[in-house]
Amino acid sequence: MEKLIKAIEQLKREKNAVILGHYYQQGEIQDIADYVGDSLALAQWAARTEADIIVMCGVHFMGETAKVLCPDKKVLVPDMAAGCSLADSCPADRFEQFIKEHPGHTVISYVNTTAAVKALTDVVVTSTNARQIVESFPKDEKIIFGPDRNLGNYINSVTGRNMLLWDGACHVHEQFSVEKLVEIKRQHPEALVLAHPECKSVVLKLADVVGSTAALLKYAVAHPEKTYIVATESGILHEMRKKCPDTTFIPAPPADSTCACNECSYMRLNTLQKLYDCLLNESPEITVDAAVAEKAVRPIKRMLEISAKLYL
């Protein structure tokens, strides 16, 4: 593995490439990435990088977002099959019909969507900034929110909104078991439950802290003396344990498995060998139709502008 890591580092220097890694990637991918973050952070880094090549170690929609923001750069992904069940739950043609059936609505789309869906959108959000961006609109604004019904329900509950929700979900966050979570909590009564808002509302009701991947990490770092049960994709535990080596982190298990943690099979398609191969061959490469990209970049940039005011 050490030899492979050195070869990746050499190729990166030779090709003026930057490696972006999502928190849900395998630990060795996170360790070799130049930047590790959630969807918002990855979009922000992609928008300002001076590299000639962006290697997006995440899933396909993240590569598309980077390409839309950086049309003059080559964007690679280690495995083109690394998709997203949430993005798949919202085909662009059906979403467009849904919008037409509900005229007069502002369309807010979660970043976990294809470029074609973003092209139908007024503003994109991530789990980090969804609440703040929704609250930036007037209380009586008619809003369509898609595709994640769980995140949309959560935002409705904390803002008092009544957004019209697309019926989509993430297969990872849908699978958390309330019964198993309660049992782990019984075994560790001192533990706090950290949960991502893509989880079902019954899981969120058991959570002590609800937030984006980055927010959950930030909370754990600020309170390292605690014990945590973590209800999101288990890849985040790698960074949590690096930042808080003396803290106990317990992954919340899925309902239909004997596995102790909940992993995204798409995220796990990326490996160090595939990362090396894609840098060496400069393939697979992400492409986005120019007309789609022209429309999709506007709501993404609008998100980044609002986020810059909120967080930077």
C-alpha atoms as a PDB file:
ATOM      1  CA  MET A   1       0.000   0.000   0.000  1.00  0.00           C
ATOM      2  CA  GLU A   2       2.859   2.381   0.789  1.00  0.00           C
ATOM      3  CA  LYS A   3       4.257   1.950  -2.721  1.00  0.00           C
ATOM      4  CA  LEU A   4       0.831   2.676  -4.231  1.00  0.00           C
ATOM      5  CA  ILE A   5       0.411   5.798  -2.094  1.00  0.00           C
ATOM      6  CA  LYS A   6       3.815   7.123  -3.221  1.00  0.00           C
ATOM      7  CA  ALA A   7       2.893   6.463  -6.868  1.00  0.00           C
ATOM      8  CA  ILE A   8      -0.375   8.394  -6.458  1.00  0.00           C
ATOM      9  CA  GLU A   9       1.449  11.309  -4.847  1.00  0.00           C
ATOM     10  CA  GLN A  10       3.962  11.389  -7.705  1.00  0.00           C
ATOM     11  CA  LEU A  11       1.262  11.352 -10.389  1.00  0.00           C
ATOM     12  CA  LYS A  12      -0.595  14.101  -8.543  1.00  0.00           C
ATOM     13  CA  ARG A  13       2.488  16.346  -8.606  1.00  0.00           C
ATOM     14  CA  GLU A  14       3.309  15.568 -12.245  1.00  0.00           C
ATOM     15  CA  LYS A  15      -0.207  16.322 -13.452  1.00  0.00           C
ATOM     16  CA  ASN A  16      -0.988  19.257 -11.145  1.00  0.00           C
ATOM     17  CA  ALA A  17      -3.942  17.345  -9.766  1.00  0.00           C
ATOM     18  CA  VAL A  18      -5.900  17.790  -6.554  1.00  0.00           C
ATOM     19  CA  ILE A  19      -7.655  14.918  -4.770  1.00  0.00           C
ATOM     20  CA  LEU A  20     -10.942  15.734  -3.043  1.00  0.00           C
ATOM     21  CA  GLY A  21     -12.363  13.123  -0.681  1.00  0.00           C
ATOM     22  CA  HIS A  22     -15.741  12.870   0.991  1.00  0.00           C
ATOM     23  CA  TYR A  23     -16.061  11.911   4.659  1.00  0.00           C
ATOM     24  CA  TYR A  24     -17.833   8.716   3.588  1.00  0.00           C
ATOM     25  CA  GLN A  25     -14.828   7.359   1.707  1.00  0.00           C
ATOM     26  CA  GLN A  26     -12.621   4.578   3.036  1.00  0.00           C
ATOM     27  CA  GLY A  27     -10.004   5.756   5.514  1.00  0.00           C
ATOM     28  CA  GLU A  28      -7.037   5.298   3.173  1.00  0.00           C
ATOM     29  CA  ILE A  29      -8.748   7.486   0.552  1.00  0.00           C
ATOM     30  CA  GLN A  30      -9.402  10.204   3.139  1.00  0.00           C
ATOM     31  CA  ASP A  31      -5.784  10.052   4.284  1.00  0.00           C
ATOM     32  CA  ILE A  32      -4.356  10.635   0.805  1.00  0.00           C
ATOM     33  CA  ALA A  33      -6.851  13.342  -0.199  1.00  0.00           C
ATOM     34  CA  ASP A  34      -5.711  16.967  -0.282  1.00  0.00           C
ATOM     35  CA  TYR A  35      -9.065  18.034   1.091  1.00  0.00           C
ATOM     36  CA  VAL A  36     -11.647  15.993   2.989  1.00  0.00           C
ATOM     37  CA  GLY A  37     -15.100  17.336   3.646  1.00  0.00           C
ATOM     38  CA  ASP A  38     -18.838  17.165   3.133  1.00  0.00           C
ATOM     39  CA  SER A  39     -20.633  18.103  -0.078  1.00  0.00           C
ATOM     40  CA  LEU A  40     -20.566  21.837   0.668  1.00  0.00           C
ATOM     41  CA  ALA A  41     -16.841  21.896   1.442  1.00  0.00           C
ATOM     42  CA  LEU A  42     -15.997  19.827  -1.634  1.00  0.00           C
ATOM     43  CA  ALA A  43     -17.987  22.205  -3.850  1.00  0.00           C
ATOM     44  CA  GLN A  44     -16.233  25.197  -2.277  1.00  0.00           C
ATOM     45  CA  TRP A  45     -12.773  23.677  -2.760  1.00  0.00           C
ATOM     46  CA  ALA A  46     -13.545  22.683  -6.343  1.00  0.00           C
ATOM     47  CA  ALA A  47     -14.700  26.220  -7.110  1.00  0.00           C
ATOM     48  CA  ARG A  48     -11.422  27.780  -6.032  1.00  0.00           C
ATOM     49  CA  THR A  49      -8.755  25.204  -6.885  1.00  0.00           C
ATOM     50  CA  GLU A  50      -5.969  26.144  -9.300  1.00  0.00           C
ATOM     51  CA  ALA A  51      -5.233  22.518 -10.167  1.00  0.00           C
ATOM     52  CA  ASP A  52      -5.562  21.340 -13.770  1.00  0.00           C
ATOM     53  CA  ILE A  53      -7.160  18.044 -12.743  1.00  0.00           C
ATOM     54  CA  ILE A  54      -9.718  17.416 -10.005  1.00  0.00           C
ATOM     55  CA  VAL A  55     -10.051  13.840  -8.786  1.00  0.00           C
ATOM     56  CA  MET A  56     -13.352  13.544  -6.952  1.00  0.00           C
ATOM     57  CA  CYS A  57     -13.317  10.641  -4.517  1.00  0.00           C
ATOM     58  CA  GLY A  58     -16.983  10.516  -3.716  1.00  0.00           C
ATOM     59  CA  VAL A  59     -19.942   9.710  -5.934  1.00  0.00           C
ATOM     60  CA  HIS A  60     -20.966  10.724  -9.438  1.00  0.00           C
ATOM     61  CA  PHE A  61     -23.068  13.797  -8.622  1.00  0.00           C
ATOM     62  CA  MET A  62     -20.109  15.290  -6.729  1.00  0.00           C
ATOM     63  CA  GLY A  63     -17.970  14.943  -9.832  1.00  0.00           C
ATOM     64  CA  GLU A  64     -20.706  16.596 -11.886  1.00  0.00           C
ATOM     65  CA  THR A  65     -20.902  19.498  -9.424  1.00  0.00           C
ATOM     66  CA  ALA A  66     -17.141  20.009  -9.683  1.00  0.00           C
ATOM     67  CA  LYS A  67     -17.299  19.912 -13.495  1.00  0.00           C
ATOM     68  CA  VAL A  68     -20.178  22.394 -13.621  1.00  0.00           C
ATOM     69  CA  LEU A  69     -18.214  24.765 -11.385  1.00  0.00           C
ATOM     70  CA  CYS A  70     -14.928  24.196 -13.260  1.00  0.00           C
ATOM     71  CA  PRO A  71     -15.775  23.583 -16.938  1.00  0.00           C
ATOM     72  CA  ASP A  72     -12.193  24.297 -18.015  1.00  0.00           C
ATOM     73  CA  LYS A  73     -10.723  21.630 -15.743  1.00  0.00           C
ATOM     74  CA  LYS A  74     -10.555  17.873 -16.189  1.00  0.00           C
ATOM     75  CA  VAL A  75     -12.654  16.143 -13.517  1.00  0.00           C
ATOM     76  CA  LEU A  76     -11.998  12.478 -12.841  1.00  0.00           C
ATOM     77  CA  VAL A  77     -13.691   9.897 -10.620  1.00  0.00           C
ATOM     78  CA  PRO A  78     -12.041   6.601  -9.650  1.00  0.00           C
ATOM     79  CA  ASP A  79     -15.174   4.578 -10.466  1.00  0.00           C
ATOM     80  CA  MET A  80     -17.950   5.846 -12.733  1.00  0.00           C
ATOM     81  CA  ALA A  81     -20.341   3.337 -11.140  1.00  0.00           C
ATOM     82  CA  ALA A  82     -20.164   5.197  -7.814  1.00  0.00           C
ATOM     83  CA  GLY A  83     -23.670   6.590  -7.963  1.00  0.00           C
ATOM     84  CA  CYS A  84     -26.165   7.755  -5.351  1.00  0.00           C
ATOM     85  CA  SER A  85     -29.487   6.175  -4.427  1.00  0.00           C
ATOM     86  CA  LEU A  86     -30.882   9.578  -3.451  1.00  0.00           C
ATOM     87  CA  ALA A  87     -29.973  11.134  -6.795  1.00  0.00           C
ATOM     88  CA  ASP A  88     -31.404   8.066  -8.550  1.00  0.00           C
ATOM     89  CA  SER A  89     -34.705   8.560  -6.718  1.00  0.00           C
ATOM     90  CA  CYS A  90     -35.248  11.843  -8.571  1.00  0.00           C
ATOM     91  CA  PRO A  91     -35.111  11.435 -12.375  1.00  0.00           C
ATOM     92  CA  ALA A  92     -34.973  14.814 -14.089  1.00  0.00           C
ATOM     93  CA  ASP A  93     -37.944  14.190 -16.385  1.00  0.00           C
ATOM     94  CA  ARG A  94     -40.234  13.219 -13.510  1.00  0.00           C
ATOM     95  CA  PHE A  95     -39.016  16.094 -11.348  1.00  0.00           C
ATOM     96  CA  GLU A  96     -39.643  18.535 -14.193  1.00  0.00           C
ATOM     97  CA  GLN A  97     -43.208  17.230 -14.520  1.00  0.00           C
ATOM     98  CA  PHE A  98     -43.674  17.587 -10.747  1.00  0.00           C
ATOM     99  CA  ILE A  99     -42.575  21.227 -10.956  1.00  0.00           C
ATOM    100  CA  LYS A 100     -44.986  21.874 -13.839  1.00  0.00           C
ATOM    101  CA  GLU A 101     -47.827  20.363 -11.811  1.00  0.00           C
ATOM    102  CA  HIS A 102     -47.122  22.844  -8.990  1.00  0.00           C
ATOM    103  CA  PRO A 103     -46.541  26.243 -10.631  1.00  0.00           C
ATOM    104  CA  GLY A 104     -45.525  29.291  -8.663  1.00  0.00           C
ATOM    105  CA  HIS A 105     -43.071  27.457  -6.409  1.00  0.00           C
ATOM    106  CA  THR A 106     -39.423  28.232  -5.763  1.00  0.00           C
ATOM    107  CA  VAL A 107     -37.455  25.039  -6.390  1.00  0.00           C
ATOM    108  CA  ILE A 108     -34.815  24.081  -3.832  1.00  0.00           C
ATOM    109  CA  SER A 109     -32.807  20.960  -4.583  1.00  0.00           C
ATOM    110  CA  TYR A 110     -30.457  19.046  -2.359  1.00  0.00           C
ATOM    111  CA  VAL A 111     -26.932  18.765  -3.741  1.00  0.00           C
ATOM    112  CA  ASN A 112     -27.426  14.970  -3.969  1.00  0.00           C
ATOM    113  CA  THR A 113     -28.947  15.290  -7.437  1.00  0.00           C
ATOM    114  CA  THR A 114     -27.853  15.049 -11.039  1.00  0.00           C
ATOM    115  CA  ALA A 115     -26.782  18.110 -12.985  1.00  0.00           C
ATOM    116  CA  ALA A 116     -30.003  17.777 -14.982  1.00  0.00           C
ATOM    117  CA  VAL A 117     -32.074  18.185 -11.807  1.00  0.00           C
ATOM    118  CA  LYS A 118     -29.922  21.090 -10.650  1.00  0.00           C
ATOM    119  CA  ALA A 119     -30.665  22.733 -14.013  1.00  0.00           C
ATOM    120  CA  LEU A 120     -34.360  22.774 -13.013  1.00  0.00           C
ATOM    121  CA  THR A 121     -33.570  24.357  -9.654  1.00  0.00           C
ATOM    122  CA  ASP A 122     -33.550  27.897  -8.261  1.00  0.00           C
ATOM    123  CA  VAL A 123     -31.034  27.214  -5.498  1.00  0.00           C
ATOM    124  CA  VAL A 124     -29.087  24.145  -4.382  1.00  0.00           C
ATOM    125  CA  VAL A 125     -28.575  23.287  -0.703  1.00  0.00           C
ATOM    126  CA  THR A 126     -26.527  20.845   1.350  1.00  0.00           C
ATOM    127  CA  SER A 127     -27.391  19.459   4.766  1.00  0.00           C
ATOM    128  CA  THR A 128     -24.996  22.039   6.223  1.00  0.00           C
ATOM    129  CA  ASN A 129     -26.835  25.079   4.853  1.00  0.00           C
ATOM    130  CA  ALA A 130     -30.357  23.826   4.020  1.00  0.00           C
ATOM    131  CA  ARG A 131     -32.059  25.395   7.023  1.00  0.00           C
ATOM    132  CA  GLN A 132     -30.360  28.765   6.614  1.00  0.00           C
ATOM    133  CA  ILE A 133     -31.074  28.935   2.892  1.00  0.00           C
ATOM    134  CA  VAL A 134     -34.721  27.967   3.344  1.00  0.00           C
ATOM    135  CA  GLU A 135     -35.044  30.613   6.063  1.00  0.00           C
ATOM    136  CA  SER A 136     -33.576  33.218   3.706  1.00  0.00           C
ATOM    137  CA  PHE A 137     -36.875  33.097   1.801  1.00  0.00           C
ATOM    138  CA  PRO A 138     -40.047  34.810   3.083  1.00  0.00           C
ATOM    139  CA  LYS A 139     -42.205  32.741   5.432  1.00  0.00           C
ATOM    140  CA  ASP A 140     -45.021  32.589   2.897  1.00  0.00           C
ATOM    141  CA  GLU A 141     -42.761  31.517   0.007  1.00  0.00           C
ATOM    142  CA  LYS A 142     -44.145  28.463  -1.801  1.00  0.00           C
ATOM    143  CA  ILE A 143     -41.264  26.006  -2.031  1.00  0.00           C
ATOM    144  CA  ILE A 144     -40.684  22.659  -3.674  1.00  0.00           C
ATOM    145  CA  PHE A 145     -37.917  20.750  -1.889  1.00  0.00           C
ATOM    146  CA  GLY A 146     -36.314  17.667  -3.358  1.00  0.00           C
ATOM    147  CA  PRO A 147     -35.349  14.967  -3.442  1.00  0.00           C
ATOM    148  CA  ASP A 148     -34.860  13.912   0.213  1.00  0.00           C
ATOM    149  CA  ARG A 149     -38.173  13.694   2.069  1.00  0.00           C
ATOM    150  CA  ASN A 150     -36.451  13.090   5.416  1.00  0.00           C
ATOM    151  CA  LEU A 151     -34.268  16.183   5.186  1.00  0.00           C
ATOM    152  CA  GLY A 152     -37.262  18.137   3.891  1.00  0.00           C
ATOM    153  CA  ASN A 153     -39.452  16.983   6.791  1.00  0.00           C
ATOM    154  CA  TYR A 154     -36.720  17.923   9.235  1.00  0.00           C
ATOM    155  CA  ILE A 155     -36.327  21.407   7.729  1.00  0.00           C
ATOM    156  CA  ASN A 156     -40.101  21.858   7.821  1.00  0.00           C
ATOM    157  CA  SER A 157     -40.160  20.846  11.493  1.00  0.00           C
ATOM    158  CA  VAL A 158     -37.440  23.275  12.611  1.00  0.00           C
ATOM    159  CA  THR A 159     -38.504  26.224  10.459  1.00  0.00           C
ATOM    160  CA  GLY A 160     -42.293  25.963  10.646  1.00  0.00           C
ATOM    161  CA  ARG A 161     -42.425  25.781   6.853  1.00  0.00           C
ATOM    162  CA  ASN A 162     -44.725  23.631   4.768  1.00  0.00           C
ATOM    163  CA  MET A 163     -42.514  22.904   1.779  1.00  0.00           C
ATOM    164  CA  LEU A 164     -43.835  20.546  -0.863  1.00  0.00           C
ATOM    165  CA  LEU A 165     -41.536  17.515  -0.759  1.00  0.00           C
ATOM    166  CA  TRP A 166     -40.347  15.158  -3.457  1.00  0.00           C
ATOM    167  CA  ASP A 167     -40.580  11.544  -2.268  1.00  0.00           C
ATOM    168  CA  GLY A 168     -36.932  10.449  -2.347  1.00  0.00           C
ATOM    169  CA  ALA A 169     -34.490   9.092   0.222  1.00  0.00           C
ATOM    170  CA  CYS A 170     -30.936   7.851   0.810  1.00  0.00           C
ATOM    171  CA  HIS A 171     -30.800   4.068   1.192  1.00  0.00           C
ATOM    172  CA  VAL A 172     -28.091   4.319   3.856  1.00  0.00           C
ATOM    173  CA  HIS A 173     -29.908   6.750   6.135  1.00  0.00           C
ATOM    174  CA  GLU A 174     -33.250   5.012   5.594  1.00  0.00           C
ATOM    175  CA  GLN A 175     -31.847   1.754   7.002  1.00  0.00           C
ATOM    176  CA  PHE A 176     -31.041   2.795  10.551  1.00  0.00           C
ATOM    177  CA  SER A 177     -32.941   0.675  13.070  1.00  0.00           C
ATOM    178  CA  VAL A 178     -34.762   2.414  15.908  1.00  0.00           C
ATOM    179  CA  GLU A 179     -34.856  -0.851  17.857  1.00  0.00           C
ATOM    180  CA  LYS A 180     -31.105  -1.428  17.530  1.00  0.00           C
ATOM    181  CA  LEU A 181     -30.397   2.219  18.321  1.00  0.00           C
ATOM    182  CA  VAL A 182     -32.483   1.955  21.499  1.00  0.00           C
ATOM    183  CA  GLU A 183     -30.632  -1.228  22.467  1.00  0.00           C
ATOM    184  CA  ILE A 184     -27.212   0.384  21.977  1.00  0.00           C
ATOM    185  CA  LYS A 185     -28.394   3.374  23.996  1.00  0.00           C
ATOM    186  CA  ARG A 186     -29.476   0.988  26.769  1.00  0.00           C
ATOM    187  CA  GLN A 187     -26.002  -0.564  26.764  1.00  0.00           C
ATOM    188  CA  HIS A 188     -24.354   2.881  26.750  1.00  0.00           C
ATOM    189  CA  PRO A 189     -26.730   5.195  28.646  1.00  0.00           C
ATOM    190  CA  GLU A 190     -24.048   7.886  28.857  1.00  0.00           C
ATOM    191  CA  ALA A 191     -23.710   8.110  25.060  1.00  0.00           C
ATOM    192  CA  LEU A 192     -25.078  10.981  22.987  1.00  0.00           C
ATOM    193  CA  VAL A 193     -26.727  10.158  19.659  1.00  0.00           C
ATOM    194  CA  LEU A 194     -25.449  12.107  16.646  1.00  0.00           C
ATOM    195  CA  ALA A 195     -27.754  11.837  13.622  1.00  0.00           C
ATOM    196  CA  HIS A 196     -27.786  13.132  10.075  1.00  0.00           C
ATOM    197  CA  PRO A 197     -31.049  14.826   8.976  1.00  0.00           C
ATOM    198  CA  GLU A 198     -31.376  12.356   6.094  1.00  0.00           C
ATOM    199  CA  CYS A 199     -32.438   9.814   8.753  1.00  0.00           C
ATOM    200  CA  LYS A 200     -36.119   9.068   9.336  1.00  0.00           C
ATOM    201  CA  SER A 201     -37.924  11.287  11.824  1.00  0.00           C
ATOM    202  CA  VAL A 202     -38.287   8.404  14.307  1.00  0.00           C
ATOM    203  CA  VAL A 203     -34.474   8.183  14.442  1.00  0.00           C
ATOM    204  CA  LEU A 204     -34.055  11.946  14.704  1.00  0.00           C
ATOM    205  CA  LYS A 205     -36.382  11.987  17.719  1.00  0.00           C
ATOM    206  CA  LEU A 206     -33.833   9.820  19.544  1.00  0.00           C
ATOM    207  CA  ALA A 207     -30.923  12.098  18.609  1.00  0.00           C
ATOM    208  CA  ASP A 208     -29.201  14.507  20.960  1.00  0.00           C
ATOM    209  CA  VAL A 209     -27.579  16.339  18.046  1.00  0.00           C
ATOM    210  CA  VAL A 210     -28.919  16.535  14.472  1.00  0.00           C
ATOM    211  CA  GLY A 211     -26.651  17.964  11.804  1.00  0.00           C
ATOM    212  CA  SER A 212     -24.679  17.560   8.616  1.00  0.00           C
ATOM    213  CA  THR A 213     -21.644  15.315   8.547  1.00  0.00           C
ATOM    214  CA  ALA A 214     -19.387  18.320   9.107  1.00  0.00           C
ATOM    215  CA  ALA A 215     -21.590  19.595  11.944  1.00  0.00           C
ATOM    216  CA  LEU A 216     -21.556  16.233  13.730  1.00  0.00           C
ATOM    217  CA  LEU A 217     -17.768  16.106  13.440  1.00  0.00           C
ATOM    218  CA  LYS A 218     -17.478  19.671  14.725  1.00  0.00           C
ATOM    219  CA  TYR A 219     -19.668  18.868  17.734  1.00  0.00           C
ATOM    220  CA  ALA A 220     -17.633  15.779  18.616  1.00  0.00           C
ATOM    221  CA  VAL A 221     -14.362  17.729  18.381  1.00  0.00           C
ATOM    222  CA  ALA A 222     -15.784  20.427  20.648  1.00  0.00           C
ATOM    223  CA  HIS A 223     -16.922  17.822  23.207  1.00  0.00           C
ATOM    224  CA  PRO A 224     -14.290  15.060  23.127  1.00  0.00           C
ATOM    225  CA  GLU A 225     -15.092  13.907  26.658  1.00  0.00           C
ATOM    226  CA  LYS A 226     -18.397  12.370  25.532  1.00  0.00           C
ATOM    227  CA  THR A 227     -19.285   8.938  24.120  1.00  0.00           C
ATOM    228  CA  TYR A 228     -21.192   8.986  20.828  1.00  0.00           C
ATOM    229  CA  ILE A 229     -23.537   6.755  18.868  1.00  0.00           C
ATOM    230  CA  VAL A 230     -23.263   7.952  15.264  1.00  0.00           C
ATOM    231  CA  ALA A 231     -26.238   7.591  12.896  1.00  0.00           C
ATOM    232  CA  THR A 232     -24.779   8.418   9.505  1.00  0.00           C
ATOM    233  CA  GLU A 233     -22.540   6.664   6.990  1.00  0.00           C
ATOM    234  CA  SER A 234     -19.731   5.048   8.989  1.00  0.00           C
ATOM    235  CA  GLY A 235     -16.909   6.569   6.927  1.00  0.00           C
ATOM    236  CA  ILE A 236     -17.108   9.696   9.104  1.00  0.00           C
ATOM    237  CA  LEU A 237     -15.872   7.667  12.074  1.00  0.00           C
ATOM    238  CA  HIS A 238     -12.384   7.644  10.512  1.00  0.00           C
ATOM    239  CA  GLU A 239     -12.059  11.423  10.808  1.00  0.00           C
ATOM    240  CA  MET A 240     -13.845  11.504  14.156  1.00  0.00           C
ATOM    241  CA  ARG A 241     -11.372   9.017  15.621  1.00  0.00           C
ATOM    242  CA  LYS A 242      -8.416  10.886  14.116  1.00  0.00           C
ATOM    243  CA  LYS A 243      -9.577  14.171  15.603  1.00  0.00           C
ATOM    244  CA  CYS A 244     -10.687  12.632  18.927  1.00  0.00           C
ATOM    245  CA  PRO A 245      -8.491   9.557  19.555  1.00  0.00           C
ATOM    246  CA  ASP A 246      -9.602   9.174  23.179  1.00  0.00           C
ATOM    247  CA  THR A 247     -13.322   9.426  22.429  1.00  0.00           C
ATOM    248  CA  THR A 248     -15.565   6.391  21.969  1.00  0.00           C
ATOM    249  CA  PHE A 249     -17.581   6.397  18.740  1.00  0.00           C
ATOM    250  CA  ILE A 250     -20.177   3.673  18.187  1.00  0.00           C
ATOM    251  CA  PRO A 251     -21.693   3.295  14.701  1.00  0.00           C
ATOM    252  CA  ALA A 252     -25.465   2.952  14.621  1.00  0.00           C
ATOM    253  CA  PRO A 253     -26.330  -0.293  12.793  1.00  0.00           C
ATOM    254  CA  PRO A 254     -28.785  -0.793   9.926  1.00  0.00           C
ATOM    255  CA  ALA A 255     -31.995  -2.732  10.472  1.00  0.00           C
ATOM    256  CA  ASP A 256     -31.562  -5.522   7.937  1.00  0.00           C
ATOM    257  CA  SER A 257     -27.987  -6.597   8.586  1.00  0.00           C
ATOM    258  CA  THR A 258     -25.783  -8.233  11.170  1.00  0.00           C
ATOM    259  CA  CYS A 259     -23.114  -5.663  10.295  1.00  0.00           C
ATOM    260  CA  ALA A 260     -22.199  -3.332  13.132  1.00  0.00           C
ATOM    261  CA  CYS A 261     -22.122  -0.263  10.883  1.00  0.00           C
ATOM    262  CA  ASN A 262     -23.958   1.252   7.937  1.00  0.00           C
ATOM    263  CA  GLU A 263     -21.892   1.741   4.785  1.00  0.00           C
ATOM    264  CA  CYS A 264     -22.700   3.227   1.384  1.00  0.00           C
ATOM    265  CA  SER A 265     -21.861   0.581  -1.197  1.00  0.00           C
ATOM    266  CA  TYR A 266     -21.380   3.290  -3.838  1.00  0.00           C
ATOM    267  CA  MET A 267     -18.820   5.196  -1.765  1.00  0.00           C
ATOM    268  CA  ARG A 268     -16.929   1.956  -1.162  1.00  0.00           C
ATOM    269  CA  LEU A 269     -16.419   1.404  -4.904  1.00  0.00           C
ATOM    270  CA  ASN A 270     -13.527   3.870  -4.835  1.00  0.00           C
ATOM    271  CA  THR A 271     -10.192   2.289  -3.907  1.00  0.00           C
ATOM    272  CA  LEU A 272      -6.551   3.353  -3.873  1.00  0.00           C
ATOM    273  CA  GLN A 273      -5.850   1.207  -6.946  1.00  0.00           C
ATOM    274  CA  LYS A 274      -8.705   2.830  -8.874  1.00  0.00           C
ATOM    275  CA  LEU A 275      -7.501   6.248  -7.731  1.00  0.00           C
ATOM    276  CA  TYR A 276      -4.034   5.482  -9.111  1.00  0.00           C
ATOM    277  CA  ASP A 277      -5.449   4.121 -12.384  1.00  0.00           C
ATOM    278  CA  CYS A 278      -7.687   7.143 -12.973  1.00  0.00           C
ATOM    279  CA  LEU A 279      -4.779   9.534 -12.402  1.00  0.00           C
ATOM    280  CA  LEU A 280      -2.492   7.501 -14.642  1.00  0.00           C
ATOM    281  CA  ASN A 281      -5.005   7.198 -17.497  1.00  0.00           C
ATOM    282  CA  GLU A 282      -6.910  10.431 -16.788  1.00  0.00           C
ATOM    283  CA  SER A 283     -10.089   8.392 -16.958  1.00  0.00           C
ATOM    284  CA  PRO A 284     -12.982   7.966 -16.167  1.00  0.00           C
ATOM    285  CA  GLU A 285     -13.691  11.614 -16.896  1.00  0.00           C
ATOM    286  CA  ILE A 286     -16.874  13.447 -15.932  1.00  0.00           C
ATOM    287  CA  THR A 287     -18.619  15.319 -18.742  1.00  0.00           C
ATOM    288  CA  VAL A 288     -21.742  17.461 -18.507  1.00  0.00           C
ATOM    289  CA  ASP A 289     -23.809  18.679 -21.450  1.00  0.00           C
ATOM    290  CA  ALA A 290     -22.972  22.357 -22.001  1.00  0.00           C
ATOM    291  CA  ALA A 291     -26.604  23.504 -22.023  1.00  0.00           C
ATOM    292  CA  VAL A 292     -27.344  21.595 -18.811  1.00  0.00           C
ATOM    293  CA  ALA A 293     -24.171  22.899 -17.169  1.00  0.00           C
ATOM    294  CA  GLU A 294     -25.035  26.503 -18.041  1.00  0.00           C
ATOM    295  CA  LYS A 295     -28.350  26.183 -16.201  1.00  0.00           C
ATOM    296  CA  ALA A 296     -27.034  24.012 -13.342  1.00  0.00           C
ATOM    297  CA  VAL A 297     -24.190  26.336 -12.395  1.00  0.00           C
ATOM    298  CA  ARG A 298     -26.546  29.176 -11.430  1.00  0.00           C
ATOM    299  CA  PRO A 299     -28.246  27.502  -8.427  1.00  0.00           C
ATOM    300  CA  ILE A 300     -24.911  26.052  -7.289  1.00  0.00           C
ATOM    301  CA  LYS A 301     -23.244  29.464  -7.371  1.00  0.00           C
ATOM    302  CA  ARG A 302     -26.231  30.946  -5.589  1.00  0.00           C
ATOM    303  CA  MET A 303     -25.749  28.375  -2.830  1.00  0.00           C
ATOM    304  CA  LEU A 304     -22.038  29.159  -2.587  1.00  0.00           C
ATOM    305  CA  GLU A 305     -22.729  32.885  -2.405  1.00  0.00           C
ATOM    306  CA  ILE A 306     -25.248  32.449   0.414  1.00  0.00           C
ATOM    307  CA  SER A 307     -22.949  29.978   2.187  1.00  0.00           C
ATOM    308  CA  ALA A 308     -20.012  32.365   1.947  1.00  0.00           C
ATOM    309  CA  LYS A 309     -22.035  34.960   3.834  1.00  0.00           C
ATOM    310  CA  LEU A 310     -23.124  32.406   6.417  1.00  0.00           C
ATOM    311  CA  TYR A 311     -19.897  30.504   7.095  1.00  0.00           C
ATOM    312  CA  LEU A 312     -16.827  32.188   5.651  1.00  0.00           C
END
